[in-house]
Amino acid sequence: MANGDITKVIEYDKIEVVGTWNIQVRQATIVKEEQSDGSKTELSRGYHRHILVPFNSSKDADDNWTHTATDISGEATEVQAIANAVWTDTVKANHKTFVESQEV
């Protein structure tokens, strides 16, 4: 990098399992500028947060439930590793049972 060069860095600075199956992800986007002494000065930092659950669930007009597994292939490898470790078959079954019991 040369003096004055701007770089953008993406960091996953918080990945938390909340409750039994919710995975909260915080992604930080950091913009830095290289100084003449080689150090980098942070110019800005922004955050994006999202929550992952094992399934996207819906109920059709005939009262049949469809549970579609959440696609985590686009998530960072560390997020995928946590989801694969936390979302056991038992947790997935419990999530489906919970969702179906929440019908109002």
N, C-alpha and C. Protein backbone atom coordinates (compact mmCIF):
# COMPACT_ATOMS: atom_id res chain seq x y z
N MET A 1 0.83 -1.19 0.00
CA MET A 1 0.00 0.00 0.00
C MET A 1 0.87 1.24 0.00
N ALA A 2 0.38 2.27 -0.63
CA ALA A 2 1.09 3.54 -0.66
C ALA A 2 0.36 4.54 0.22
N ASN A 3 1.07 5.57 0.61
CA ASN A 3 0.48 6.62 1.42
C ASN A 3 -0.80 7.12 0.77
N GLY A 4 -1.86 7.22 1.55
CA GLY A 4 -3.14 7.71 1.06
C GLY A 4 -4.04 6.65 0.48
N ASP A 5 -3.53 5.41 0.31
CA ASP A 5 -4.38 4.34 -0.21
C ASP A 5 -5.52 4.04 0.76
N ILE A 6 -6.68 3.77 0.19
CA ILE A 6 -7.87 3.45 0.98
C ILE A 6 -8.16 1.96 0.82
N THR A 7 -8.44 1.31 1.94
CA THR A 7 -8.82 -0.10 1.90
C THR A 7 -10.13 -0.30 2.65
N LYS A 8 -10.85 -1.32 2.22
CA LYS A 8 -12.10 -1.71 2.90
C LYS A 8 -11.90 -3.13 3.41
N VAL A 9 -12.21 -3.33 4.68
CA VAL A 9 -12.05 -4.63 5.32
C VAL A 9 -13.40 -5.05 5.89
N ILE A 10 -13.76 -6.32 5.67
CA ILE A 10 -14.98 -6.88 6.25
C ILE A 10 -14.57 -7.83 7.37
N GLU A 11 -15.13 -7.62 8.56
CA GLU A 11 -14.86 -8.48 9.71
C GLU A 11 -16.18 -8.95 10.30
N TYR A 12 -16.21 -10.19 10.73
CA TYR A 12 -17.35 -10.70 11.48
C TYR A 12 -16.93 -10.63 12.94
N ASP A 13 -17.32 -9.52 13.58
CA ASP A 13 -16.79 -9.26 14.91
C ASP A 13 -17.66 -9.80 16.04
N LYS A 14 -18.87 -10.23 15.72
CA LYS A 14 -19.72 -10.86 16.73
C LYS A 14 -20.56 -11.95 16.07
N ILE A 15 -20.44 -13.14 16.60
CA ILE A 15 -21.30 -14.25 16.19
C ILE A 15 -21.76 -14.88 17.49
N GLU A 16 -23.06 -14.76 17.76
CA GLU A 16 -23.58 -15.21 19.04
C GLU A 16 -24.74 -16.18 18.86
N VAL A 17 -24.76 -17.22 19.66
CA VAL A 17 -25.90 -18.13 19.70
C VAL A 17 -26.79 -17.64 20.84
N VAL A 18 -28.03 -17.30 20.49
CA VAL A 18 -28.97 -16.77 21.48
C VAL A 18 -30.12 -17.76 21.59
N GLY A 19 -30.41 -18.14 22.81
CA GLY A 19 -31.42 -19.17 23.00
C GLY A 19 -30.85 -20.48 22.51
N THR A 20 -31.67 -21.27 21.87
CA THR A 20 -31.23 -22.59 21.43
C THR A 20 -30.77 -22.60 19.99
N TRP A 21 -31.40 -21.80 19.11
CA TRP A 21 -31.11 -21.91 17.68
C TRP A 21 -30.86 -20.60 16.97
N ASN A 22 -31.10 -19.46 17.57
CA ASN A 22 -30.85 -18.19 16.90
C ASN A 22 -29.36 -17.88 16.86
N ILE A 23 -28.86 -17.57 15.68
CA ILE A 23 -27.46 -17.17 15.52
C ILE A 23 -27.46 -15.72 15.05
N GLN A 24 -26.95 -14.83 15.90
CA GLN A 24 -26.87 -13.41 15.57
C GLN A 24 -25.48 -13.12 15.02
N VAL A 25 -25.45 -12.46 13.87
CA VAL A 25 -24.20 -12.18 13.19
C VAL A 25 -24.06 -10.67 13.02
N ARG A 26 -22.90 -10.14 13.42
CA ARG A 26 -22.62 -8.73 13.18
C ARG A 26 -21.39 -8.64 12.29
N GLN A 27 -21.58 -7.97 11.16
CA GLN A 27 -20.50 -7.77 10.19
C GLN A 27 -20.09 -6.31 10.24
N ALA A 28 -18.80 -6.07 10.43
CA ALA A 28 -18.27 -4.71 10.44
C ALA A 28 -17.57 -4.45 9.11
N THR A 29 -17.88 -3.32 8.50
CA THR A 29 -17.18 -2.86 7.30
C THR A 29 -16.33 -1.68 7.73
N ILE A 30 -15.01 -1.83 7.57
CA ILE A 30 -14.06 -0.84 8.06
C ILE A 30 -13.32 -0.24 6.87
N VAL A 31 -13.28 1.09 6.81
CA VAL A 31 -12.54 1.79 5.76
C VAL A 31 -11.32 2.43 6.42
N LYS A 32 -10.13 2.12 5.86
CA LYS A 32 -8.88 2.62 6.43
C LYS A 32 -8.06 3.35 5.37
N GLU A 33 -7.26 4.29 5.84
CA GLU A 33 -6.34 5.03 4.96
C GLU A 33 -4.92 4.84 5.47
N GLU A 34 -4.01 4.52 4.54
CA GLU A 34 -2.60 4.34 4.91
C GLU A 34 -1.95 5.70 5.08
N GLN A 35 -1.18 5.84 6.17
CA GLN A 35 -0.47 7.08 6.46
C GLN A 35 0.97 6.99 5.95
N SER A 36 1.66 8.11 5.94
CA SER A 36 3.03 8.15 5.42
C SER A 36 3.99 7.29 6.24
N ASP A 37 3.67 7.06 7.50
CA ASP A 37 4.54 6.24 8.34
C ASP A 37 4.20 4.74 8.25
N GLY A 38 3.25 4.40 7.38
CA GLY A 38 2.87 3.00 7.21
C GLY A 38 1.70 2.57 8.08
N SER A 39 1.34 3.39 9.04
CA SER A 39 0.20 3.04 9.89
C SER A 39 -1.09 3.26 9.11
N LYS A 40 -2.16 2.70 9.63
CA LYS A 40 -3.47 2.84 9.00
C LYS A 40 -4.42 3.54 9.95
N THR A 41 -5.10 4.53 9.44
CA THR A 41 -6.07 5.28 10.21
C THR A 41 -7.47 4.84 9.78
N GLU A 42 -8.27 4.48 10.76
CA GLU A 42 -9.65 4.08 10.46
C GLU A 42 -10.47 5.32 10.15
N LEU A 43 -11.08 5.34 8.97
CA LEU A 43 -11.90 6.47 8.56
C LEU A 43 -13.37 6.27 8.92
N SER A 44 -13.83 5.05 8.80
CA SER A 44 -15.23 4.77 9.14
C SER A 44 -15.41 3.30 9.46
N ARG A 45 -16.50 3.04 10.17
CA ARG A 45 -16.87 1.68 10.52
C ARG A 45 -18.39 1.62 10.51
N GLY A 46 -18.92 0.67 9.78
CA GLY A 46 -20.37 0.48 9.72
C GLY A 46 -20.69 -0.97 10.03
N TYR A 47 -21.93 -1.20 10.46
CA TYR A 47 -22.33 -2.54 10.88
C TYR A 47 -23.56 -3.01 10.12
N HIS A 48 -23.59 -4.30 9.89
CA HIS A 48 -24.78 -4.97 9.36
C HIS A 48 -25.03 -6.16 10.29
N ARG A 49 -26.27 -6.30 10.72
CA ARG A 49 -26.62 -7.42 11.61
C ARG A 49 -27.72 -8.25 10.96
N HIS A 50 -27.66 -9.54 11.20
CA HIS A 50 -28.74 -10.41 10.78
C HIS A 50 -28.79 -11.63 11.69
N ILE A 51 -29.95 -12.27 11.69
CA ILE A 51 -30.18 -13.43 12.53
C ILE A 51 -30.49 -14.62 11.63
N LEU A 52 -29.92 -15.75 11.97
CA LEU A 52 -30.17 -16.99 11.25
C LEU A 52 -30.91 -17.97 12.16
N VAL A 53 -31.86 -18.67 11.60
CA VAL A 53 -32.56 -19.76 12.28
C VAL A 53 -32.48 -20.98 11.36
N PRO A 54 -32.70 -22.18 11.88
CA PRO A 54 -32.50 -23.39 11.06
C PRO A 54 -33.42 -23.49 9.84
N PHE A 55 -34.63 -22.97 9.95
CA PHE A 55 -35.61 -23.12 8.86
C PHE A 55 -36.38 -21.84 8.63
N ASN A 56 -36.83 -21.66 7.40
CA ASN A 56 -37.88 -20.70 7.06
C ASN A 56 -39.14 -21.54 6.96
N SER A 57 -40.12 -21.21 7.78
CA SER A 57 -41.32 -22.05 7.87
C SER A 57 -42.55 -21.29 7.39
N SER A 58 -43.45 -22.04 6.75
CA SER A 58 -44.71 -21.45 6.31
C SER A 58 -45.80 -22.52 6.35
N LYS A 59 -47.02 -22.03 6.46
CA LYS A 59 -48.18 -22.92 6.53
C LYS A 59 -49.09 -22.60 5.36
N ASP A 60 -49.52 -23.61 4.62
CA ASP A 60 -50.38 -23.36 3.47
C ASP A 60 -51.85 -23.34 3.88
N ALA A 61 -52.71 -23.12 2.91
CA ALA A 61 -54.15 -23.00 3.17
C ALA A 61 -54.75 -24.28 3.72
N ASP A 62 -54.10 -25.42 3.48
CA ASP A 62 -54.60 -26.70 3.98
C ASP A 62 -54.02 -27.07 5.34
N ASP A 63 -53.41 -26.10 6.00
CA ASP A 63 -52.80 -26.30 7.32
C ASP A 63 -51.59 -27.23 7.31
N ASN A 64 -50.92 -27.34 6.18
CA ASN A 64 -49.69 -28.13 6.09
C ASN A 64 -48.49 -27.21 6.21
N TRP A 65 -47.53 -27.62 7.03
CA TRP A 65 -46.33 -26.82 7.24
C TRP A 65 -45.24 -27.22 6.25
N THR A 66 -44.50 -26.24 5.80
CA THR A 66 -43.31 -26.46 4.99
C THR A 66 -42.15 -25.79 5.73
N HIS A 67 -41.11 -26.55 6.00
CA HIS A 67 -39.92 -26.04 6.67
C HIS A 67 -38.76 -26.17 5.68
N THR A 68 -38.29 -25.04 5.19
CA THR A 68 -37.18 -25.02 4.24
C THR A 68 -35.90 -24.68 4.99
N ALA A 69 -34.92 -25.55 4.86
CA ALA A 69 -33.65 -25.33 5.57
C ALA A 69 -33.02 -24.01 5.13
N THR A 70 -32.50 -23.27 6.09
CA THR A 70 -31.83 -22.01 5.80
C THR A 70 -30.54 -22.28 5.04
N ASP A 71 -30.36 -21.58 3.92
CA ASP A 71 -29.16 -21.71 3.10
C ASP A 71 -28.06 -20.85 3.73
N ILE A 72 -27.06 -21.51 4.28
CA ILE A 72 -25.96 -20.77 4.92
C ILE A 72 -24.71 -20.76 4.05
N SER A 73 -24.83 -21.21 2.80
CA SER A 73 -23.65 -21.31 1.92
C SER A 73 -23.02 -19.95 1.63
N GLY A 74 -23.79 -18.88 1.71
CA GLY A 74 -23.26 -17.54 1.47
C GLY A 74 -22.70 -16.87 2.71
N GLU A 75 -22.79 -17.53 3.85
CA GLU A 75 -22.28 -16.97 5.09
C GLU A 75 -20.77 -17.21 5.20
N ALA A 76 -20.13 -16.42 6.03
CA ALA A 76 -18.70 -16.60 6.29
C ALA A 76 -18.46 -18.00 6.86
N THR A 77 -17.27 -18.54 6.62
CA THR A 77 -16.98 -19.91 7.05
C THR A 77 -17.14 -20.07 8.56
N GLU A 78 -16.79 -19.06 9.33
CA GLU A 78 -16.93 -19.17 10.78
C GLU A 78 -18.41 -19.22 11.19
N VAL A 79 -19.27 -18.52 10.47
CA VAL A 79 -20.71 -18.56 10.74
C VAL A 79 -21.25 -19.95 10.38
N GLN A 80 -20.83 -20.47 9.24
CA GLN A 80 -21.26 -21.81 8.82
C GLN A 80 -20.85 -22.86 9.84
N ALA A 81 -19.63 -22.75 10.35
CA ALA A 81 -19.14 -23.73 11.32
C ALA A 81 -19.98 -23.71 12.59
N ILE A 82 -20.34 -22.53 13.04
CA ILE A 82 -21.16 -22.42 14.26
C ILE A 82 -22.55 -22.98 14.01
N ALA A 83 -23.15 -22.62 12.87
CA ALA A 83 -24.49 -23.13 12.55
C ALA A 83 -24.48 -24.65 12.46
N ASN A 84 -23.48 -25.21 11.81
CA ASN A 84 -23.41 -26.66 11.67
C ASN A 84 -23.20 -27.35 13.02
N ALA A 85 -22.53 -26.70 13.94
CA ALA A 85 -22.31 -27.28 15.26
C ALA A 85 -23.55 -27.16 16.14
N VAL A 86 -24.24 -26.04 16.04
CA VAL A 86 -25.37 -25.76 16.94
C VAL A 86 -26.65 -26.41 16.45
N TRP A 87 -26.88 -26.41 15.15
CA TRP A 87 -28.14 -26.91 14.61
C TRP A 87 -28.11 -28.43 14.44
N THR A 88 -28.11 -29.11 15.55
CA THR A 88 -28.17 -30.58 15.54
C THR A 88 -29.56 -31.02 15.10
N ASP A 89 -29.73 -32.31 14.84
CA ASP A 89 -31.04 -32.83 14.45
C ASP A 89 -32.08 -32.55 15.54
N THR A 90 -31.68 -32.67 16.79
CA THR A 90 -32.60 -32.40 17.90
C THR A 90 -33.01 -30.94 17.92
N VAL A 91 -32.06 -30.04 17.75
CA VAL A 91 -32.36 -28.60 17.74
C VAL A 91 -33.29 -28.27 16.58
N LYS A 92 -33.03 -28.84 15.42
CA LYS A 92 -33.89 -28.60 14.26
C LYS A 92 -35.32 -29.09 14.51
N ALA A 93 -35.45 -30.27 15.09
CA ALA A 93 -36.79 -30.80 15.41
C ALA A 93 -37.49 -29.90 16.42
N ASN A 94 -36.77 -29.44 17.43
CA ASN A 94 -37.35 -28.55 18.44
C ASN A 94 -37.77 -27.22 17.82
N HIS A 95 -36.98 -26.72 16.87
CA HIS A 95 -37.33 -25.47 16.20
C HIS A 95 -38.63 -25.63 15.43
N LYS A 96 -38.78 -26.72 14.69
CA LYS A 96 -40.02 -26.96 13.94
C LYS A 96 -41.21 -27.03 14.88
N THR A 97 -41.06 -27.77 15.98
CA THR A 97 -42.14 -27.90 16.96
C THR A 97 -42.51 -26.54 17.53
N PHE A 98 -41.51 -25.74 17.86
CA PHE A 98 -41.75 -24.40 18.40
C PHE A 98 -42.51 -23.53 17.41
N VAL A 99 -42.05 -23.49 16.18
CA VAL A 99 -42.70 -22.64 15.16
C VAL A 99 -44.15 -23.05 14.98
N GLU A 100 -44.40 -24.34 14.88
CA GLU A 100 -45.77 -24.81 14.67
C GLU A 100 -46.67 -24.54 15.87
N SER A 101 -46.08 -24.43 17.06
CA SER A 101 -46.87 -24.16 18.26
C SER A 101 -47.20 -22.67 18.43
N GLN A 102 -46.55 -21.81 17.65
CA GLN A 102 -46.74 -20.36 17.79
C GLN A 102 -47.89 -19.81 16.95
N GLU A 103 -48.58 -20.67 16.25
CA GLU A 103 -49.67 -20.19 15.42
C GLU A 103 -50.71 -19.48 16.27
N VAL A 104 -51.15 -18.34 15.79
CA VAL A 104 -52.11 -17.55 16.53
C VAL A 104 -53.50 -17.77 16.01
